[in-house]
Amino acid sequence: MVTIVLGSQWGDEGKGKITDLLSQNAELCCRSAGGHNAGHTIVHDDITYDFHILPSGLVSPTCVNLIGAGTVVHLPSFFKELASLDGKGLNNTRERVFISDRAQICFDLHAVVDGLEEAGLGKRKVGTTGKGIGPCYSDKAARRGVRIGDILDEGVLESKLRSLEAGYRRRFGDLDYNVEDEIARFKEYRNLLKPHIVDQLSLIKKFEDKSASILVEGANALMLDIDYGTYPYVTSSCTGLGGAIQGVCLNPTAIKSIVGVVKAYCTRVGSGPFPTEQLNEIGERLQVAGREFGVTTGRKRRCGWLDMVLLKYSTRINHYTALNLTKLDILDDFDEIKVAVAYKLDGKELESFPASAEALENVEMVYETLPGWKSTTMGISKWEDLPTNAQKYVEYIERSIGGVPIKWIGTGPARSHMIDRN
């Protein structure tokens, strides 16, 4: 049976904790899309782990982990993360992580090109992480990308990489990049990576045949989806339910639950429309109290109130069967809490979430104001111990999105700081 965990906003919702919790009973944990531009933080037994390209199911000592065909893999980052986990005492991680031979290789070349493309956009920068994710997916779509399986044939890999480099030099002229250096590094990676490369269809079938518990952890979030996000200020992969199914070749009929992770307010890293952003003292308070810095980039996150228009849209696309509400405790000190319930454009209320980034930049927000609870919820682990107004806030969100239950509520960074309403 399959459980899928997906970000419902712009990422950074705190997906790591629920993934860590669910992976304790999972036999296989998969990444389906994205690359080392993603970031999950997990606090486990007082040790903090930062994950980027690796599936965070590696924290669970018996869980096998797969980086699926829909991903792009930067191998220096892959090995660096493995070394970091080894240094923190995790057991047999190298025997429990595999990469699909159909996943794409994200070269250092792609990061160089990423920077050049962003610079060329001027004031319309997307605000990428600069990790090379977009150029790598572009090469994949243009059918000139290099797959993980190509590493095993030295001649094929070298020929394809040289062809990529020549193409980018024709486009940009001189590059701050040495193709010989990267080719030399792959001579070392070839032997190191060979035990990790698998045919994911065969691997997953073994788990399906024994009706194993499979967990898929999403990267980024729905509003950064290449099709349904705030285009063009998005990532370059399918970050929603469809991407999870495609990237790991899941049997849709085996999906047991789709968990949407929702921060109790909204944040966004990088450029692009953010209708409920608070460029004021409220936004600063949320940023400071929530320690809102990107796990991958360290960039300060933009902050604002919870957006129910966005969340309804996200729910409609990802078909969540349950929600994990995170960082409720960050709202503890607010006298009142606002929630966006509608958008207006040119004085008229919009019927749905607009596709146009320009429209989103100009919408007028309609808010409802709810009373705060002005008491500490940090570390609370029982529903009945929450202040009444905090309970009402949770129930308000459930009603607003058509009754999808909030089954988990995060009240702090540690694994134990979680209310389980199952």
Protein backbone atom coordinates (compact mmCIF):
# COMPACT_ATOMS: atom_id res chain seq x y z
CA MET A 1 0.00 0.00 0.00
CA VAL A 2 1.23 3.46 -0.93
CA THR A 3 1.27 6.69 1.08
CA ILE A 4 2.25 9.95 -0.64
CA VAL A 5 3.39 13.08 1.23
CA LEU A 6 3.10 16.32 -0.75
CA GLY A 7 3.75 19.99 -0.04
CA SER A 8 0.57 22.02 -0.47
CA GLN A 9 1.95 25.57 -0.64
CA TRP A 10 5.34 26.86 -1.91
CA GLY A 11 7.54 24.33 -0.14
CA ASP A 12 9.22 24.60 3.26
CA GLU A 13 6.02 23.40 4.96
CA GLY A 14 7.97 21.02 7.17
CA LYS A 15 7.42 17.77 5.26
CA GLY A 16 10.42 16.14 6.90
CA LYS A 17 8.78 15.38 10.23
CA ILE A 18 5.70 13.61 8.85
CA THR A 19 7.90 11.73 6.37
CA ASP A 20 10.13 10.64 9.24
CA LEU A 21 7.10 9.52 11.26
CA LEU A 22 5.52 7.55 8.41
CA SER A 23 8.82 6.04 7.27
CA GLN A 24 9.12 4.18 10.57
CA ASN A 25 6.52 1.74 9.23
CA ALA A 26 7.55 1.93 5.57
CA GLU A 27 9.64 -0.70 3.85
CA LEU A 28 10.44 1.52 0.85
CA CYS A 29 10.74 5.33 0.75
CA CYS A 30 10.98 7.08 -2.63
CA ARG A 31 11.84 10.49 -4.04
CA SER A 32 9.88 10.99 -7.25
CA ALA A 33 10.96 14.39 -8.65
CA GLY A 34 13.31 17.32 -8.18
CA GLY A 35 16.93 17.26 -7.14
CA HIS A 36 19.26 18.73 -4.54
CA ASN A 37 17.23 21.95 -4.69
CA ALA A 38 14.85 20.36 -2.16
CA GLY A 39 15.40 20.37 1.59
CA HIS A 40 13.94 18.47 4.52
CA THR A 41 15.06 18.90 8.12
CA ILE A 42 14.47 16.04 10.55
CA VAL A 43 15.18 16.12 14.28
CA HIS A 44 15.56 12.51 15.44
CA ASP A 45 16.83 11.52 18.90
CA ASP A 46 18.10 15.10 19.35
CA ILE A 47 20.17 14.87 16.14
CA THR A 48 19.32 17.20 13.25
CA TYR A 49 19.56 15.81 9.73
CA ASP A 50 19.29 17.91 6.56
CA PHE A 51 18.19 16.03 3.45
CA HIS A 52 18.35 17.36 -0.11
CA ILE A 53 18.59 14.68 -2.79
CA LEU A 54 18.49 11.65 -0.47
CA PRO A 55 15.11 10.26 0.68
CA SER A 56 14.64 11.00 4.36
CA GLY A 57 13.50 7.43 4.99
CA LEU A 58 17.20 6.72 5.53
CA VAL A 59 16.69 7.80 9.14
CA SER A 60 14.65 4.63 9.65
CA PRO A 61 17.19 1.78 10.04
CA THR A 62 15.18 -0.82 8.11
CA CYS A 63 13.77 1.32 5.30
CA VAL A 64 15.06 0.90 1.74
CA ASN A 65 15.28 4.17 -0.21
CA LEU A 66 14.90 4.95 -3.92
CA ILE A 67 15.70 8.07 -5.94
CA GLY A 68 13.23 7.65 -8.78
CA ALA A 69 13.29 8.16 -12.54
CA GLY A 70 11.64 11.59 -12.31
CA THR A 71 14.54 13.09 -10.38
CA VAL A 72 17.76 14.87 -11.41
CA VAL A 73 20.80 13.76 -9.43
CA HIS A 74 23.90 15.80 -8.67
CA LEU A 75 26.40 13.11 -7.70
CA PRO A 76 28.79 15.25 -5.62
CA SER A 77 25.77 16.20 -3.48
CA PHE A 78 24.63 12.56 -3.29
CA PHE A 79 27.98 11.39 -1.91
CA LYS A 80 28.37 14.44 0.34
CA GLU A 81 24.98 13.75 1.97
CA LEU A 82 25.82 10.08 2.45
CA ALA A 83 29.07 11.05 4.17
CA SER A 84 27.18 13.47 6.41
CA LEU A 85 24.73 10.75 7.47
CA ASP A 86 27.62 8.38 8.16
CA GLY A 87 29.18 11.06 10.35
CA LYS A 88 26.01 11.32 12.38
CA GLY A 89 25.92 7.63 13.11
CA LEU A 90 23.17 6.35 10.83
CA ASN A 91 23.60 2.66 10.11
CA ASN A 92 24.07 0.92 6.74
CA THR A 93 22.82 3.89 4.73
CA ARG A 94 24.93 2.97 1.70
CA GLU A 95 23.31 -0.45 1.51
CA ARG A 96 19.80 1.05 1.67
CA VAL A 97 19.82 3.74 -1.02
CA PHE A 98 19.37 3.21 -4.76
CA ILE A 99 19.02 5.41 -7.85
CA SER A 100 16.93 4.61 -10.91
CA ASP A 101 19.04 4.10 -14.02
CA ARG A 102 16.50 6.35 -15.76
CA ALA A 103 17.08 9.38 -13.49
CA GLN A 104 18.91 12.30 -15.06
CA ILE A 105 22.44 13.43 -14.14
CA CYS A 106 22.65 17.04 -12.96
CA PHE A 107 26.17 18.16 -13.89
CA ASP A 108 28.19 21.04 -12.47
CA LEU A 109 27.79 22.40 -16.00
CA HIS A 110 24.07 22.81 -15.35
CA ALA A 111 24.70 25.01 -12.29
CA VAL A 112 26.94 27.29 -14.36
CA VAL A 113 24.21 27.58 -17.01
CA ASP A 114 21.56 28.17 -14.32
CA GLY A 115 23.43 31.26 -13.14
CA LEU A 116 23.80 32.60 -16.68
CA GLU A 117 20.12 32.08 -17.47
CA GLU A 118 19.00 33.82 -14.27
CA ALA A 119 21.32 36.75 -14.93
CA GLY A 120 19.84 37.10 -18.40
CA LEU A 121 16.33 37.53 -16.99
CA GLY A 122 17.17 40.79 -15.23
CA LYS A 123 14.28 42.02 -13.11
CA ARG A 124 12.18 38.97 -14.07
CA LYS A 125 14.45 36.47 -12.32
CA VAL A 126 12.69 33.27 -11.25
CA GLY A 127 14.72 33.07 -8.05
CA THR A 128 16.09 29.57 -8.60
CA THR A 129 18.38 27.86 -6.11
CA GLY A 130 21.18 28.05 -8.67
CA LYS A 131 21.69 24.28 -8.44
CA GLY A 132 21.24 23.60 -12.17
CA ILE A 133 17.83 21.94 -11.84
CA GLY A 134 16.09 23.90 -14.61
CA PRO A 135 18.81 23.44 -17.25
CA CYS A 136 19.00 19.73 -16.40
CA TYR A 137 15.25 19.25 -16.90
CA SER A 138 15.48 21.33 -20.08
CA ASP A 139 18.08 18.95 -21.45
CA LYS A 140 15.88 16.02 -20.48
CA ALA A 141 12.88 17.48 -22.34
CA ALA A 142 15.06 18.29 -25.36
CA ARG A 143 16.22 14.63 -25.42
CA ARG A 144 19.87 15.49 -24.96
CA GLY A 145 20.10 14.70 -21.23
CA VAL A 146 22.40 12.12 -19.68
CA ARG A 147 20.89 9.37 -17.55
CA ILE A 148 22.33 7.69 -14.48
CA GLY A 149 22.62 4.43 -16.41
CA ASP A 150 24.94 6.14 -18.90
CA ILE A 151 27.60 6.40 -16.19
CA LEU A 152 28.34 2.71 -16.59
CA ASP A 153 29.61 3.26 -20.15
CA GLU A 154 32.58 5.64 -20.00
CA GLY A 155 32.52 6.39 -23.72
CA VAL A 156 28.82 7.20 -23.81
CA LEU A 157 28.99 9.49 -20.78
CA GLU A 158 32.02 11.39 -22.05
CA SER A 159 30.56 11.84 -25.53
CA LYS A 160 27.22 13.12 -24.22
CA LEU A 161 28.79 15.52 -21.71
CA ARG A 162 31.14 16.97 -24.33
CA SER A 163 28.17 17.46 -26.64
CA LEU A 164 26.25 19.31 -23.90
CA GLU A 165 29.22 21.52 -23.12
CA ALA A 166 29.77 22.38 -26.80
CA GLY A 167 26.11 23.30 -27.18
CA TYR A 168 26.18 25.64 -24.20
CA ARG A 169 29.40 27.28 -25.41
CA ARG A 170 27.74 27.98 -28.75
CA ARG A 171 24.89 29.62 -26.84
CA PHE A 172 26.76 31.56 -24.15
CA GLY A 173 30.32 31.85 -25.43
CA ASP A 174 32.97 31.45 -22.76
CA LEU A 175 31.94 29.43 -19.68
CA ASP A 176 33.54 29.33 -16.24
CA TYR A 177 33.65 25.55 -16.52
CA ASN A 178 36.20 22.84 -17.31
CA VAL A 179 34.67 19.78 -18.94
CA GLU A 180 37.87 17.75 -18.45
CA ASP A 181 37.61 18.20 -14.68
CA GLU A 182 34.05 16.92 -14.62
CA ILE A 183 34.85 13.95 -16.85
CA ALA A 184 37.73 13.06 -14.51
CA ARG A 185 35.42 13.13 -11.47
CA PHE A 186 33.05 10.69 -13.15
CA LYS A 187 35.84 8.17 -13.51
CA GLU A 188 35.80 7.97 -9.70
CA TYR A 189 32.01 8.10 -9.42
CA ARG A 190 31.57 5.18 -11.83
CA ASN A 191 32.76 2.50 -9.42
CA LEU A 192 31.35 4.21 -6.33
CA LEU A 193 27.89 4.53 -7.86
CA LYS A 194 27.58 1.13 -9.51
CA PRO A 195 26.13 -0.65 -6.42
CA HIS A 196 23.43 2.02 -6.13
CA ILE A 197 22.11 1.94 -9.73
CA VAL A 198 18.97 -0.14 -10.23
CA ASP A 199 16.11 -0.80 -12.59
CA GLN A 200 13.41 0.78 -10.44
CA LEU A 201 10.62 -1.26 -12.06
CA SER A 202 12.20 -4.48 -10.80
CA LEU A 203 12.93 -3.01 -7.37
CA ILE A 204 9.41 -1.68 -6.82
CA LYS A 205 7.84 -4.90 -8.09
CA LYS A 206 9.60 -6.82 -5.33
CA PHE A 207 7.94 -4.60 -2.74
CA GLU A 208 4.56 -4.64 -4.49
CA ASP A 209 4.58 -8.44 -4.73
CA LYS A 210 4.79 -8.73 -0.95
CA SER A 211 2.23 -5.93 -0.36
CA ALA A 212 4.88 -3.83 1.35
CA SER A 213 4.30 -0.35 2.74
CA ILE A 214 5.66 2.22 0.26
CA LEU A 215 6.11 5.91 1.11
CA VAL A 216 6.66 8.60 -1.53
CA GLU A 217 7.97 11.94 -0.27
CA GLY A 218 7.32 14.94 -2.43
CA ALA A 219 9.90 17.66 -3.03
CA ASN A 220 9.06 21.37 -3.27
CA ALA A 221 5.26 21.82 -3.34
CA LEU A 222 2.20 22.16 -5.53
CA MET A 223 2.51 25.93 -6.08
CA LEU A 224 5.96 25.31 -7.59
CA ASP A 225 4.65 22.66 -10.00
CA ILE A 226 5.67 23.25 -13.63
CA ASP A 227 2.03 22.88 -14.78
CA TYR A 228 -0.10 24.04 -11.84
CA GLY A 229 2.19 26.38 -9.91
CA THR A 230 2.65 30.15 -10.19
CA TYR A 231 4.28 29.85 -13.62
CA PRO A 232 6.92 30.93 -14.59
CA TYR A 233 8.05 31.30 -10.96
CA VAL A 234 8.14 27.55 -10.44
CA THR A 235 10.54 24.63 -10.38
CA SER A 236 11.04 22.46 -13.46
CA SER A 237 9.36 19.23 -12.38
CA CYS A 238 5.87 17.96 -11.56
CA THR A 239 5.68 18.38 -7.79
CA GLY A 240 2.10 17.18 -7.30
CA LEU A 241 0.28 13.86 -7.27
CA GLY A 242 0.80 13.24 -10.99
CA GLY A 243 4.55 13.66 -10.66
CA ALA A 244 4.66 11.22 -7.74
CA ILE A 245 2.89 8.54 -9.77
CA GLN A 246 4.95 9.12 -12.92
CA GLY A 247 8.34 9.55 -11.25
CA VAL A 248 8.18 6.26 -9.35
CA CYS A 249 5.90 4.27 -11.72
CA LEU A 250 3.31 3.76 -8.97
CA ASN A 251 0.15 1.72 -9.33
CA PRO A 252 -2.53 4.39 -8.69
CA THR A 253 -4.97 1.79 -7.37
CA ALA A 254 -2.52 0.97 -4.55
CA ILE A 255 -2.56 4.51 -3.13
CA LYS A 256 -3.94 4.36 0.40
CA SER A 257 -3.48 7.97 1.47
CA ILE A 258 -2.32 11.33 0.11
CA VAL A 259 -1.05 13.56 2.89
CA GLY A 260 -0.90 17.30 2.20
CA VAL A 261 1.51 19.23 4.42
CA VAL A 262 0.24 22.72 5.28
CA LYS A 263 2.08 25.36 7.24
CA ALA A 264 -0.22 27.25 9.65
CA TYR A 265 0.72 30.41 7.74
CA CYS A 266 2.40 30.88 4.33
CA THR A 267 6.02 31.27 3.29
CA ARG A 268 7.82 31.51 -0.01
CA VAL A 269 11.50 31.58 -1.04
CA GLY A 270 12.55 33.37 -4.19
CA SER A 271 10.64 35.48 -6.68
CA GLY A 272 7.03 35.28 -7.78
CA PRO A 273 3.55 36.24 -6.65
CA PHE A 274 2.63 35.77 -3.00
CA PRO A 275 -0.85 37.26 -2.42
CA THR A 276 -0.90 37.07 1.39
CA GLU A 277 2.68 38.25 1.92
CA GLN A 278 3.04 40.69 4.82
CA LEU A 279 5.75 43.25 4.11
CA ASN A 280 5.35 44.67 7.57
CA GLU A 281 5.81 43.90 11.26
CA ILE A 282 3.54 40.83 10.96
CA GLY A 283 5.75 39.31 8.29
CA GLU A 284 8.86 40.03 10.35
CA ARG A 285 7.33 38.42 13.44
CA LEU A 286 6.45 35.28 11.50
CA GLN A 287 9.91 35.14 9.96
CA VAL A 288 11.73 35.50 13.28
CA ALA A 289 9.44 33.25 15.35
CA GLY A 290 9.37 30.58 12.66
CA ARG A 291 13.13 30.75 11.99
CA GLU A 292 12.22 31.01 8.34
CA PHE A 293 15.37 30.33 6.37
CA GLY A 294 15.57 27.91 3.45
CA VAL A 295 17.17 24.55 4.28
CA THR A 296 18.88 24.35 0.89
CA THR A 297 19.81 27.98 0.20
CA GLY A 298 19.79 29.67 3.62
CA ARG A 299 17.74 32.47 2.07
CA LYS A 300 15.28 34.33 4.28
CA ARG A 301 11.71 33.23 3.54
CA ARG A 302 8.95 35.69 2.71
CA CYS A 303 6.05 35.31 5.17
CA GLY A 304 2.31 35.93 5.21
CA TRP A 305 -1.08 34.71 6.39
CA LEU A 306 -2.63 31.35 5.50
CA ASP A 307 -4.26 31.43 2.04
CA MET A 308 -7.41 29.31 1.79
CA VAL A 309 -7.92 30.14 -1.90
CA LEU A 310 -4.52 28.59 -2.59
CA LEU A 311 -5.14 25.65 -0.28
CA LYS A 312 -8.50 24.78 -1.89
CA TYR A 313 -6.81 24.89 -5.30
CA SER A 314 -3.97 22.67 -4.06
CA THR A 315 -6.46 20.21 -2.57
CA ARG A 316 -8.43 20.04 -5.81
CA ILE A 317 -5.32 19.07 -7.77
CA ASN A 318 -3.64 16.71 -5.29
CA HIS A 319 -6.82 15.13 -3.83
CA TYR A 320 -5.50 15.02 -0.27
CA THR A 321 -7.09 12.42 1.98
CA ALA A 322 -5.51 13.94 5.10
CA LEU A 323 -3.50 16.99 6.13
CA ASN A 324 -0.53 17.61 8.38
CA LEU A 325 -0.73 21.15 9.77
CA THR A 326 2.74 22.33 10.80
CA LYS A 327 4.20 25.11 12.98
CA LEU A 328 0.97 25.93 14.79
CA ASP A 329 3.08 27.11 17.73
CA ILE A 330 4.50 30.00 15.69
CA LEU A 331 1.09 31.70 15.93
CA ASP A 332 1.01 31.48 19.76
CA ASP A 333 1.71 35.15 20.42
CA PHE A 334 -0.73 36.75 17.96
CA ASP A 335 -3.81 38.57 19.28
CA GLU A 336 -5.63 37.79 16.06
CA ILE A 337 -4.95 35.67 13.00
CA LYS A 338 -6.05 36.47 9.48
CA VAL A 339 -6.94 33.95 6.78
CA ALA A 340 -7.39 34.83 3.10
CA VAL A 341 -10.77 33.57 1.89
CA ALA A 342 -11.15 35.20 -1.54
CA TYR A 343 -9.32 37.11 -4.26
CA LYS A 344 -10.70 40.16 -6.04
CA LEU A 345 -9.44 41.55 -9.32
CA ASP A 346 -10.76 44.87 -10.65
CA GLY A 347 -13.36 44.77 -7.90
CA LYS A 348 -14.75 41.36 -8.88
CA GLU A 349 -14.30 38.21 -6.81
CA LEU A 350 -12.48 35.48 -8.74
CA GLU A 351 -14.10 32.08 -9.08
CA SER A 352 -10.84 30.16 -9.03
CA PHE A 353 -7.10 30.49 -8.56
CA PRO A 354 -5.78 32.46 -11.57
CA ALA A 355 -3.20 31.00 -13.95
CA SER A 356 -1.65 34.39 -14.69
CA ALA A 357 1.27 35.53 -12.52
CA GLU A 358 0.39 39.11 -13.48
CA ALA A 359 -3.15 38.66 -12.18
CA LEU A 360 -1.84 37.20 -8.93
CA GLU A 361 0.43 40.19 -8.46
CA ASN A 362 -2.61 42.49 -8.60
CA VAL A 363 -5.31 40.64 -6.67
CA GLU A 364 -6.98 42.26 -3.69
CA MET A 365 -7.24 39.98 -0.67
CA VAL A 366 -10.42 39.29 1.28
CA TYR A 367 -9.58 38.21 4.83
CA GLU A 368 -11.46 36.71 7.74
CA THR A 369 -10.06 37.44 11.20
CA LEU A 370 -9.95 34.77 13.87
CA PRO A 371 -9.04 35.23 17.54
CA GLY A 372 -5.58 34.15 18.67
CA TRP A 373 -4.98 31.99 21.73
CA LYS A 374 -2.12 33.88 23.39
CA SER A 375 -0.71 30.84 25.14
CA THR A 376 2.08 28.35 24.47
CA THR A 377 1.35 25.31 22.34
CA MET A 378 5.02 24.32 21.93
CA GLY A 379 5.43 20.60 22.50
CA ILE A 380 1.73 19.82 23.08
CA SER A 381 1.01 16.27 21.95
CA LYS A 382 -2.70 15.87 22.80
CA TRP A 383 -5.61 17.54 21.02
CA GLU A 384 -7.49 18.21 24.26
CA ASP A 385 -4.51 20.16 25.61
CA LEU A 386 -4.64 22.75 22.83
CA PRO A 387 -6.19 26.11 23.72
CA THR A 388 -9.78 26.40 22.56
CA ASN A 389 -9.03 29.04 19.95
CA ALA A 390 -6.20 26.93 18.54
CA GLN A 391 -8.65 24.04 18.17
CA LYS A 392 -11.10 26.38 16.45
CA TYR A 393 -8.38 27.51 14.03
CA VAL A 394 -7.67 23.89 13.06
CA GLU A 395 -11.37 23.11 12.65
CA TYR A 396 -11.86 26.27 10.57
CA ILE A 397 -9.23 25.06 8.10
CA GLU A 398 -10.86 21.63 7.89
CA ARG A 399 -14.29 23.11 7.13
CA SER A 400 -12.88 25.54 4.57
CA ILE A 401 -11.42 22.82 2.37
CA GLY A 402 -14.45 20.58 2.39
CA GLY A 403 -13.79 18.43 5.43
CA VAL A 404 -10.38 16.95 4.63
CA PRO A 405 -9.22 15.92 8.12
CA ILE A 406 -6.14 17.42 9.75
CA LYS A 407 -4.76 14.21 11.23
CA TRP A 408 -1.42 15.56 12.44
CA ILE A 409 -0.59 18.92 14.00
CA GLY A 410 3.00 20.06 14.47
CA THR A 411 3.72 22.02 17.65
CA GLY A 412 7.51 22.26 17.52
CA PRO A 413 10.63 20.94 15.74
CA ALA A 414 11.15 17.63 17.56
CA ARG A 415 9.53 14.37 16.50
CA SER A 416 7.56 14.28 19.77
CA HIS A 417 6.09 17.73 19.09
CA MET A 418 3.17 16.30 17.16
CA ILE A 419 -0.52 15.80 17.83
CA ASP A 420 -1.75 12.59 16.20
CA ARG A 421 -5.54 12.67 15.69
CA ASN A 422 -5.78 9.30 13.95
